[in-house]
Amino acid sequence: MAEKDLNIYLTGAATDGAAQTNPLLSLGGKRSGAILKSLSAPAPVNVTGIAIVDVSANCGAGNATLAFTAAGQTLAFTAPGDAAGAAVAVGVSGTYEVYSGTAAKYIIVTVTAGSLPVANASDAIALANVIDNLFDSVGSGEAQAGRTEYRALIVKNDSAYTMYGMIVWLAQNTPFPSDEVQIGLETPVANAIQSVVNETTAPTGITWSLAASEAAALAAGNLAAGAAAGIWIRRVVSPTTARYAANNFMLSVKADTV
């Protein structure tokens, strides 16, 4: 399985795959065409013909490097604080995964072959954390009273083959002890999951779990080519007067192709 083949999308679109980029409106219904992103990356300047589609959250914020070698038309990626990974031949237009020295750190790019540089070129890519990419910040009034909010995502198999045994878990829950995130699954019907009227309305029929490790992951089953699974996320903010900057959590999905 390639990383680019299993993608996590926002929901709340008018039709399957339509534009809907507001995470506050990711409340179920149809899949948006917007992939949930943890890191932002500016467009390369010197390495022309390359568009950055997504960056693995494992890369972390900081300065990365994209290096293009004209001989062989290859592209190499170095995540912040890491060693360069193996160069990938990108001379044919398409979508590619380019890994850093650490296997869990990678970048996904689309290539327009006719626009690639004619000489060696490189770019420093400043990766930055995307703040409030799913839930918004908790205000002081909400924190003191306590608040529970919901969001919905759809994971889609964008490949041409079946992905087996897809699982979902929370690789990291919120480090702030007054907050907790739980997840649950829903099977889409007619390319949609249920929708809720606002962020404080709970979806029905969802079994919530901390799913705190891969071993305790929720099983979504097999996904045929083009199939999808719905993920509901519940954020519980217990009443508190404490403040915690940049609170976060990490969601992981995994599947096999054989």
C-alpha atoms as a PDB file:
ATOM      1  CA  MET A   1       0.000   0.000   0.000  1.00  0.00           C
ATOM      2  CA  ALA A   2       1.193   3.502  -0.787  1.00  0.00           C
ATOM      3  CA  GLU A   3       0.594   6.280   1.714  1.00  0.00           C
ATOM      4  CA  LYS A   4      -1.105   8.382  -0.962  1.00  0.00           C
ATOM      5  CA  ASP A   5      -3.730   5.658  -1.485  1.00  0.00           C
ATOM      6  CA  LEU A   6      -5.423   5.920   1.926  1.00  0.00           C
ATOM      7  CA  ASN A   7      -6.511   9.471   2.706  1.00  0.00           C
ATOM      8  CA  ILE A   8      -8.416  11.191   5.517  1.00  0.00           C
ATOM      9  CA  TYR A   9     -10.935  13.795   4.337  1.00  0.00           C
ATOM     10  CA  LEU A  10     -13.152  16.395   5.963  1.00  0.00           C
ATOM     11  CA  THR A  11     -16.918  15.948   5.646  1.00  0.00           C
ATOM     12  CA  GLY A  12     -19.871  18.278   5.142  1.00  0.00           C
ATOM     13  CA  ALA A  13     -19.672  18.611   1.348  1.00  0.00           C
ATOM     14  CA  ALA A  14     -22.733  19.127  -0.847  1.00  0.00           C
ATOM     15  CA  THR A  15     -21.741  16.165  -3.037  1.00  0.00           C
ATOM     16  CA  ASP A  16     -19.097  13.466  -2.663  1.00  0.00           C
ATOM     17  CA  GLY A  17     -15.661  15.019  -3.096  1.00  0.00           C
ATOM     18  CA  ALA A  18     -16.937  18.587  -3.483  1.00  0.00           C
ATOM     19  CA  ALA A  19     -15.125  21.595  -2.013  1.00  0.00           C
ATOM     20  CA  GLN A  20     -15.575  22.026   1.747  1.00  0.00           C
ATOM     21  CA  THR A  21     -12.474  23.238   3.572  1.00  0.00           C
ATOM     22  CA  ASN A  22     -13.929  24.529   6.846  1.00  0.00           C
ATOM     23  CA  PRO A  23     -13.177  22.067   9.687  1.00  0.00           C
ATOM     24  CA  LEU A  24     -15.942  23.623  11.783  1.00  0.00           C
ATOM     25  CA  LEU A  25     -18.415  22.280   9.210  1.00  0.00           C
ATOM     26  CA  SER A  26     -16.932  18.776   9.180  1.00  0.00           C
ATOM     27  CA  LEU A  27     -20.047  17.400  10.873  1.00  0.00           C
ATOM     28  CA  GLY A  28     -20.786  14.352   8.771  1.00  0.00           C
ATOM     29  CA  GLY A  29     -22.688  13.828   5.560  1.00  0.00           C
ATOM     30  CA  LYS A  30     -20.704  13.541   2.351  1.00  0.00           C
ATOM     31  CA  ARG A  31     -16.923  13.492   1.965  1.00  0.00           C
ATOM     32  CA  SER A  32     -15.176  16.748   1.182  1.00  0.00           C
ATOM     33  CA  GLY A  33     -12.406  16.875  -1.381  1.00  0.00           C
ATOM     34  CA  ALA A  34     -10.143  18.444   1.270  1.00  0.00           C
ATOM     35  CA  ILE A  35      -7.607  16.144   2.913  1.00  0.00           C
ATOM     36  CA  LEU A  36      -7.086  16.724   6.632  1.00  0.00           C
ATOM     37  CA  LYS A  37      -3.608  18.235   6.999  1.00  0.00           C
ATOM     38  CA  SER A  38      -1.364  18.417  10.067  1.00  0.00           C
ATOM     39  CA  LEU A  39       1.484  20.351   8.435  1.00  0.00           C
ATOM     40  CA  SER A  40       1.525  23.136   5.873  1.00  0.00           C
ATOM     41  CA  ALA A  41       4.268  23.515   3.285  1.00  0.00           C
ATOM     42  CA  PRO A  42       4.927  26.408   0.887  1.00  0.00           C
ATOM     43  CA  ALA A  43       5.216  25.714  -2.817  1.00  0.00           C
ATOM     44  CA  PRO A  44       8.757  24.977  -4.047  1.00  0.00           C
ATOM     45  CA  VAL A  45      10.349  27.858  -5.928  1.00  0.00           C
ATOM     46  CA  ASN A  46      13.483  26.415  -7.489  1.00  0.00           C
ATOM     47  CA  VAL A  47      12.278  22.857  -7.989  1.00  0.00           C
ATOM     48  CA  THR A  48       9.682  23.713 -10.600  1.00  0.00           C
ATOM     49  CA  GLY A  49       7.025  21.263 -11.771  1.00  0.00           C
ATOM     50  CA  ILE A  50       6.521  19.981  -8.207  1.00  0.00           C
ATOM     51  CA  ALA A  51       3.361  20.579  -6.143  1.00  0.00           C
ATOM     52  CA  ILE A  52       3.227  19.423  -2.526  1.00  0.00           C
ATOM     53  CA  VAL A  53       0.017  17.507  -1.819  1.00  0.00           C
ATOM     54  CA  ASP A  54       0.604  16.383   1.768  1.00  0.00           C
ATOM     55  CA  VAL A  55       3.312  15.962   4.399  1.00  0.00           C
ATOM     56  CA  SER A  56       3.443  13.217   7.017  1.00  0.00           C
ATOM     57  CA  ALA A  57       2.693  14.531  10.514  1.00  0.00           C
ATOM     58  CA  ASN A  58       5.723  12.549  11.702  1.00  0.00           C
ATOM     59  CA  CYS A  59       7.997  15.048   9.955  1.00  0.00           C
ATOM     60  CA  GLY A  60       7.200  17.727  12.525  1.00  0.00           C
ATOM     61  CA  ALA A  61       7.544  21.453  12.067  1.00  0.00           C
ATOM     62  CA  GLY A  62      10.850  22.897  10.897  1.00  0.00           C
ATOM     63  CA  ASN A  63      12.972  23.291   7.804  1.00  0.00           C
ATOM     64  CA  ALA A  64      12.875  20.442   5.291  1.00  0.00           C
ATOM     65  CA  THR A  65      14.687  20.152   1.967  1.00  0.00           C
ATOM     66  CA  LEU A  66      13.620  19.068  -1.515  1.00  0.00           C
ATOM     67  CA  ALA A  67      16.531  18.335  -3.863  1.00  0.00           C
ATOM     68  CA  PHE A  68      16.155  17.649  -7.582  1.00  0.00           C
ATOM     69  CA  THR A  69      18.924  16.021  -9.618  1.00  0.00           C
ATOM     70  CA  ALA A  70      18.661  16.639 -13.349  1.00  0.00           C
ATOM     71  CA  ALA A  71      20.602  13.516 -14.297  1.00  0.00           C
ATOM     72  CA  GLY A  72      17.969  10.813 -13.936  1.00  0.00           C
ATOM     73  CA  GLN A  73      15.327  13.391 -12.933  1.00  0.00           C
ATOM     74  CA  THR A  74      15.176  12.324  -9.296  1.00  0.00           C
ATOM     75  CA  LEU A  75      13.787  13.993  -6.199  1.00  0.00           C
ATOM     76  CA  ALA A  76      15.033  13.553  -2.626  1.00  0.00           C
ATOM     77  CA  PHE A  77      13.417  14.715   0.609  1.00  0.00           C
ATOM     78  CA  THR A  78      14.978  15.543   3.980  1.00  0.00           C
ATOM     79  CA  ALA A  79      12.593  16.054   6.900  1.00  0.00           C
ATOM     80  CA  PRO A  80      13.514  18.525   9.663  1.00  0.00           C
ATOM     81  CA  GLY A  81      16.395  17.143  11.727  1.00  0.00           C
ATOM     82  CA  ASP A  82      16.594  13.972   9.642  1.00  0.00           C
ATOM     83  CA  ALA A  83      18.909  12.547   6.989  1.00  0.00           C
ATOM     84  CA  ALA A  84      17.994  12.556   3.311  1.00  0.00           C
ATOM     85  CA  GLY A  85      16.055   9.585   2.029  1.00  0.00           C
ATOM     86  CA  ALA A  86      16.511   7.643  -1.180  1.00  0.00           C
ATOM     87  CA  ALA A  87      16.006   9.664  -4.351  1.00  0.00           C
ATOM     88  CA  VAL A  88      12.885   8.853  -6.394  1.00  0.00           C
ATOM     89  CA  ALA A  89      12.713   9.037 -10.181  1.00  0.00           C
ATOM     90  CA  VAL A  90      10.010  11.598 -11.044  1.00  0.00           C
ATOM     91  CA  GLY A  91      10.523  12.064 -14.771  1.00  0.00           C
ATOM     92  CA  VAL A  92       6.960  10.995 -15.610  1.00  0.00           C
ATOM     93  CA  SER A  93       3.984  13.145 -14.602  1.00  0.00           C
ATOM     94  CA  GLY A  94       2.073  11.690 -11.666  1.00  0.00           C
ATOM     95  CA  THR A  95       1.853  11.492  -7.878  1.00  0.00           C
ATOM     96  CA  TYR A  96       4.827  10.296  -5.848  1.00  0.00           C
ATOM     97  CA  GLU A  97       5.788   9.568  -2.262  1.00  0.00           C
ATOM     98  CA  VAL A  98       9.289  10.705  -1.396  1.00  0.00           C
ATOM     99  CA  TYR A  99      10.658   9.464   1.917  1.00  0.00           C
ATOM    100  CA  SER A 100      13.151  11.054   4.269  1.00  0.00           C
ATOM    101  CA  GLY A 101      15.807   8.953   5.986  1.00  0.00           C
ATOM    102  CA  THR A 102      13.246   7.879   8.589  1.00  0.00           C
ATOM    103  CA  ALA A 103      10.582   5.653   7.033  1.00  0.00           C
ATOM    104  CA  ALA A 104       7.643   7.326   8.802  1.00  0.00           C
ATOM    105  CA  LYS A 105       8.613  10.735   7.425  1.00  0.00           C
ATOM    106  CA  TYR A 106       7.578  11.439   3.852  1.00  0.00           C
ATOM    107  CA  ILE A 107       6.124  13.982   1.464  1.00  0.00           C
ATOM    108  CA  ILE A 108       3.541  13.425  -1.284  1.00  0.00           C
ATOM    109  CA  VAL A 109       3.985  15.454  -4.456  1.00  0.00           C
ATOM    110  CA  THR A 110       2.441  15.718  -7.886  1.00  0.00           C
ATOM    111  CA  VAL A 111       4.799  16.169 -10.802  1.00  0.00           C
ATOM    112  CA  THR A 112       4.338  17.948 -14.121  1.00  0.00           C
ATOM    113  CA  ALA A 113       7.239  16.407 -16.004  1.00  0.00           C
ATOM    114  CA  GLY A 114       7.487  19.075 -18.683  1.00  0.00           C
ATOM    115  CA  SER A 115       8.043  21.768 -16.027  1.00  0.00           C
ATOM    116  CA  LEU A 116      10.865  20.061 -14.108  1.00  0.00           C
ATOM    117  CA  PRO A 117      14.168  21.950 -13.863  1.00  0.00           C
ATOM    118  CA  VAL A 118      16.804  21.381 -16.543  1.00  0.00           C
ATOM    119  CA  ALA A 119      19.601  21.609 -13.955  1.00  0.00           C
ATOM    120  CA  ASN A 120      20.064  20.534 -10.349  1.00  0.00           C
ATOM    121  CA  ALA A 121      17.876  22.543  -7.963  1.00  0.00           C
ATOM    122  CA  SER A 122      16.810  22.528  -4.325  1.00  0.00           C
ATOM    123  CA  ASP A 123      14.394  24.284  -1.998  1.00  0.00           C
ATOM    124  CA  ALA A 124      14.244  24.818   1.744  1.00  0.00           C
ATOM    125  CA  ILE A 125      10.662  23.976   2.735  1.00  0.00           C
ATOM    126  CA  ALA A 126       9.442  25.499   6.008  1.00  0.00           C
ATOM    127  CA  LEU A 127       6.960  23.022   7.480  1.00  0.00           C
ATOM    128  CA  ALA A 128       4.527  24.529   9.978  1.00  0.00           C
ATOM    129  CA  ASN A 129       1.910  23.006  12.235  1.00  0.00           C
ATOM    130  CA  VAL A 130      -1.659  23.633  11.045  1.00  0.00           C
ATOM    131  CA  ILE A 131      -3.458  25.080  14.067  1.00  0.00           C
ATOM    132  CA  ASP A 132      -7.167  24.304  14.605  1.00  0.00           C
ATOM    133  CA  ASN A 133      -7.227  21.966  11.607  1.00  0.00           C
ATOM    134  CA  LEU A 134     -10.215  20.034  13.015  1.00  0.00           C
ATOM    135  CA  PHE A 135     -11.407  21.535  16.320  1.00  0.00           C
ATOM    136  CA  ASP A 136     -11.227  25.211  17.197  1.00  0.00           C
ATOM    137  CA  SER A 137      -9.501  26.626  20.263  1.00  0.00           C
ATOM    138  CA  VAL A 138     -11.302  26.349  23.590  1.00  0.00           C
ATOM    139  CA  GLY A 139     -12.298  29.735  25.010  1.00  0.00           C
ATOM    140  CA  SER A 140     -12.120  30.535  28.702  1.00  0.00           C
ATOM    141  CA  GLY A 141     -15.903  30.412  29.097  1.00  0.00           C
ATOM    142  CA  GLU A 142     -16.106  27.007  27.433  1.00  0.00           C
ATOM    143  CA  ALA A 143     -13.251  25.711  29.576  1.00  0.00           C
ATOM    144  CA  GLN A 144     -14.838  26.826  32.838  1.00  0.00           C
ATOM    145  CA  ALA A 145     -18.240  25.359  31.962  1.00  0.00           C
ATOM    146  CA  GLY A 146     -16.935  22.264  30.178  1.00  0.00           C
ATOM    147  CA  ARG A 147     -17.906  21.372  26.630  1.00  0.00           C
ATOM    148  CA  THR A 148     -18.214  18.314  24.395  1.00  0.00           C
ATOM    149  CA  GLU A 149     -17.896  18.724  20.627  1.00  0.00           C
ATOM    150  CA  TYR A 150     -17.993  16.372  17.636  1.00  0.00           C
ATOM    151  CA  ARG A 151     -16.336  16.152  14.230  1.00  0.00           C
ATOM    152  CA  ALA A 152     -16.596  13.611  11.417  1.00  0.00           C
ATOM    153  CA  LEU A 153     -14.003  12.443   8.919  1.00  0.00           C
ATOM    154  CA  ILE A 154     -14.068   9.975   6.048  1.00  0.00           C
ATOM    155  CA  VAL A 155     -11.148   7.711   5.166  1.00  0.00           C
ATOM    156  CA  LYS A 156     -11.190   6.694   1.514  1.00  0.00           C
ATOM    157  CA  ASN A 157      -9.295   4.035  -0.400  1.00  0.00           C
ATOM    158  CA  ASP A 158      -8.077   6.103  -3.353  1.00  0.00           C
ATOM    159  CA  SER A 159      -6.239   3.167  -4.915  1.00  0.00           C
ATOM    160  CA  ALA A 160      -7.349   0.695  -7.579  1.00  0.00           C
ATOM    161  CA  TYR A 161      -7.103  -2.336  -5.295  1.00  0.00           C
ATOM    162  CA  THR A 162      -8.638  -3.605  -2.056  1.00  0.00           C
ATOM    163  CA  MET A 163      -7.158  -2.590   1.282  1.00  0.00           C
ATOM    164  CA  TYR A 164      -7.561  -5.234   3.958  1.00  0.00           C
ATOM    165  CA  GLY A 165      -8.116  -4.908   7.684  1.00  0.00           C
ATOM    166  CA  MET A 166      -8.188  -1.140   8.012  1.00  0.00           C
ATOM    167  CA  ILE A 167      -7.794   0.008  11.606  1.00  0.00           C
ATOM    168  CA  VAL A 168      -8.008   3.392  13.310  1.00  0.00           C
ATOM    169  CA  TRP A 169      -6.512   4.479  16.625  1.00  0.00           C
ATOM    170  CA  LEU A 170      -5.320   7.482  18.605  1.00  0.00           C
ATOM    171  CA  ALA A 171      -1.539   7.425  18.440  1.00  0.00           C
ATOM    172  CA  GLN A 172      -1.594  10.306  20.913  1.00  0.00           C
ATOM    173  CA  ASN A 173      -4.411  11.669  23.035  1.00  0.00           C
ATOM    174  CA  THR A 174      -4.394  15.226  24.335  1.00  0.00           C
ATOM    175  CA  PRO A 175      -1.497  15.934  26.721  1.00  0.00           C
ATOM    176  CA  PHE A 176      -3.705  18.299  28.771  1.00  0.00           C
ATOM    177  CA  PRO A 177      -5.391  16.149  31.452  1.00  0.00           C
ATOM    178  CA  SER A 178      -8.645  18.170  31.456  1.00  0.00           C
ATOM    179  CA  ASP A 179      -9.299  17.214  27.815  1.00  0.00           C
ATOM    180  CA  GLU A 180      -9.909  13.821  26.239  1.00  0.00           C
ATOM    181  CA  VAL A 181     -10.558  12.614  22.709  1.00  0.00           C
ATOM    182  CA  GLN A 182     -12.516   9.479  21.813  1.00  0.00           C
ATOM    183  CA  ILE A 183     -13.301   7.973  18.425  1.00  0.00           C
ATOM    184  CA  GLY A 184     -15.952   5.781  16.839  1.00  0.00           C
ATOM    185  CA  LEU A 185     -16.673   4.314  13.408  1.00  0.00           C
ATOM    186  CA  GLU A 186     -19.613   4.518  11.017  1.00  0.00           C
ATOM    187  CA  THR A 187     -20.088   2.743   7.700  1.00  0.00           C
ATOM    188  CA  PRO A 188     -21.083   5.136   4.904  1.00  0.00           C
ATOM    189  CA  VAL A 189     -24.327   4.543   3.015  1.00  0.00           C
ATOM    190  CA  ALA A 190     -24.640   6.003  -0.499  1.00  0.00           C
ATOM    191  CA  ASN A 191     -21.277   7.761  -0.025  1.00  0.00           C
ATOM    192  CA  ALA A 192     -22.357   9.509   3.168  1.00  0.00           C
ATOM    193  CA  ILE A 193     -22.491   9.104   6.928  1.00  0.00           C
ATOM    194  CA  GLN A 194     -25.046  10.707   9.224  1.00  0.00           C
ATOM    195  CA  SER A 195     -24.735  14.443   9.808  1.00  0.00           C
ATOM    196  CA  VAL A 196     -25.412  16.461  12.962  1.00  0.00           C
ATOM    197  CA  VAL A 197     -26.974  19.912  13.143  1.00  0.00           C
ATOM    198  CA  ASN A 198     -24.149  21.484  15.132  1.00  0.00           C
ATOM    199  CA  GLU A 199     -20.875  20.602  16.820  1.00  0.00           C
ATOM    200  CA  THR A 200     -22.427  19.888  20.217  1.00  0.00           C
ATOM    201  CA  THR A 201     -25.001  17.401  18.909  1.00  0.00           C
ATOM    202  CA  ALA A 202     -23.924  13.786  19.322  1.00  0.00           C
ATOM    203  CA  PRO A 203     -24.236  11.373  16.386  1.00  0.00           C
ATOM    204  CA  THR A 204     -26.418   8.356  17.076  1.00  0.00           C
ATOM    205  CA  GLY A 205     -25.358   4.724  17.214  1.00  0.00           C
ATOM    206  CA  ILE A 206     -21.641   5.403  17.705  1.00  0.00           C
ATOM    207  CA  THR A 207     -19.603   3.316  20.148  1.00  0.00           C
ATOM    208  CA  TRP A 208     -16.889   5.545  21.606  1.00  0.00           C
ATOM    209  CA  SER A 209     -13.383   4.326  22.397  1.00  0.00           C
ATOM    210  CA  LEU A 210     -10.056   5.731  23.537  1.00  0.00           C
ATOM    211  CA  ALA A 211      -8.357   3.297  21.103  1.00  0.00           C
ATOM    212  CA  ALA A 212      -5.086   4.269  22.706  1.00  0.00           C
ATOM    213  CA  SER A 213      -2.734   2.024  20.725  1.00  0.00           C
ATOM    214  CA  GLU A 214      -2.519   0.045  17.514  1.00  0.00           C
ATOM    215  CA  ALA A 215      -3.284  -3.085  19.517  1.00  0.00           C
ATOM    216  CA  ALA A 216      -6.495  -1.451  20.784  1.00  0.00           C
ATOM    217  CA  ALA A 217      -7.449   0.026  17.380  1.00  0.00           C
ATOM    218  CA  LEU A 218     -10.974   0.062  15.997  1.00  0.00           C
ATOM    219  CA  ALA A 219     -11.470  -2.282  13.040  1.00  0.00           C
ATOM    220  CA  ALA A 220     -13.110  -0.822   9.932  1.00  0.00           C
ATOM    221  CA  GLY A 221     -12.747  -4.013   7.883  1.00  0.00           C
ATOM    222  CA  ASN A 222     -11.757  -4.284   4.231  1.00  0.00           C
ATOM    223  CA  LEU A 223     -12.070  -1.347   1.864  1.00  0.00           C
ATOM    224  CA  ALA A 224     -12.578  -2.103  -1.812  1.00  0.00           C
ATOM    225  CA  ALA A 225     -11.184   0.335  -4.356  1.00  0.00           C
ATOM    226  CA  GLY A 226     -13.032   3.629  -3.924  1.00  0.00           C
ATOM    227  CA  ALA A 227     -14.699   2.529  -0.674  1.00  0.00           C
ATOM    228  CA  ALA A 228     -14.637   4.562   2.526  1.00  0.00           C
ATOM    229  CA  ALA A 229     -15.107   4.442   6.290  1.00  0.00           C
ATOM    230  CA  GLY A 230     -16.466   7.155   8.567  1.00  0.00           C
ATOM    231  CA  ILE A 231     -14.681   8.265  11.722  1.00  0.00           C
ATOM    232  CA  TRP A 232     -16.408  10.286  14.425  1.00  0.00           C
ATOM    233  CA  ILE A 233     -14.317  12.183  16.961  1.00  0.00           C
ATOM    234  CA  ARG A 234     -15.577  13.394  20.326  1.00  0.00           C
ATOM    235  CA  ARG A 235     -13.590  16.027  22.221  1.00  0.00           C
ATOM    236  CA  VAL A 236     -14.500  16.276  25.896  1.00  0.00           C
ATOM    237  CA  VAL A 237     -13.360  19.390  27.763  1.00  0.00           C
ATOM    238  CA  SER A 238     -13.890  18.946  31.494  1.00  0.00           C
ATOM    239  CA  PRO A 239     -14.563  22.109  33.538  1.00  0.00           C
ATOM    240  CA  THR A 240     -11.259  23.787  34.325  1.00  0.00           C
ATOM    241  CA  THR A 241      -9.681  27.202  34.808  1.00  0.00           C
ATOM    242  CA  ALA A 242      -6.249  26.072  33.655  1.00  0.00           C
ATOM    243  CA  ARG A 243      -4.748  27.027  30.303  1.00  0.00           C
ATOM    244  CA  TYR A 244      -2.827  24.784  27.908  1.00  0.00           C
ATOM    245  CA  ALA A 245      -1.265  26.139  24.740  1.00  0.00           C
ATOM    246  CA  ALA A 246      -1.265  24.128  21.489  1.00  0.00           C
ATOM    247  CA  ASN A 247      -3.160  21.134  22.847  1.00  0.00           C
ATOM    248  CA  ASN A 248      -3.357  18.377  20.229  1.00  0.00           C
ATOM    249  CA  PHE A 249      -3.950  14.720  19.436  1.00  0.00           C
ATOM    250  CA  MET A 250      -2.840  12.342  16.671  1.00  0.00           C
ATOM    251  CA  LEU A 251      -5.107  10.004  14.704  1.00  0.00           C
ATOM    252  CA  SER A 252      -3.611   7.038  12.817  1.00  0.00           C
ATOM    253  CA  VAL A 253      -5.053   4.743  10.157  1.00  0.00           C
ATOM    254  CA  LYS A 254      -3.516   1.605   8.686  1.00  0.00           C
ATOM    255  CA  ALA A 255      -4.409  -1.103   6.178  1.00  0.00           C
ATOM    256  CA  ASP A 256      -2.746  -3.910   4.225  1.00  0.00           C
ATOM    257  CA  THR A 257      -2.928  -4.809   0.554  1.00  0.00           C
ATOM    258  CA  VAL A 258      -2.348  -8.558   0.920  1.00  0.00           C
END
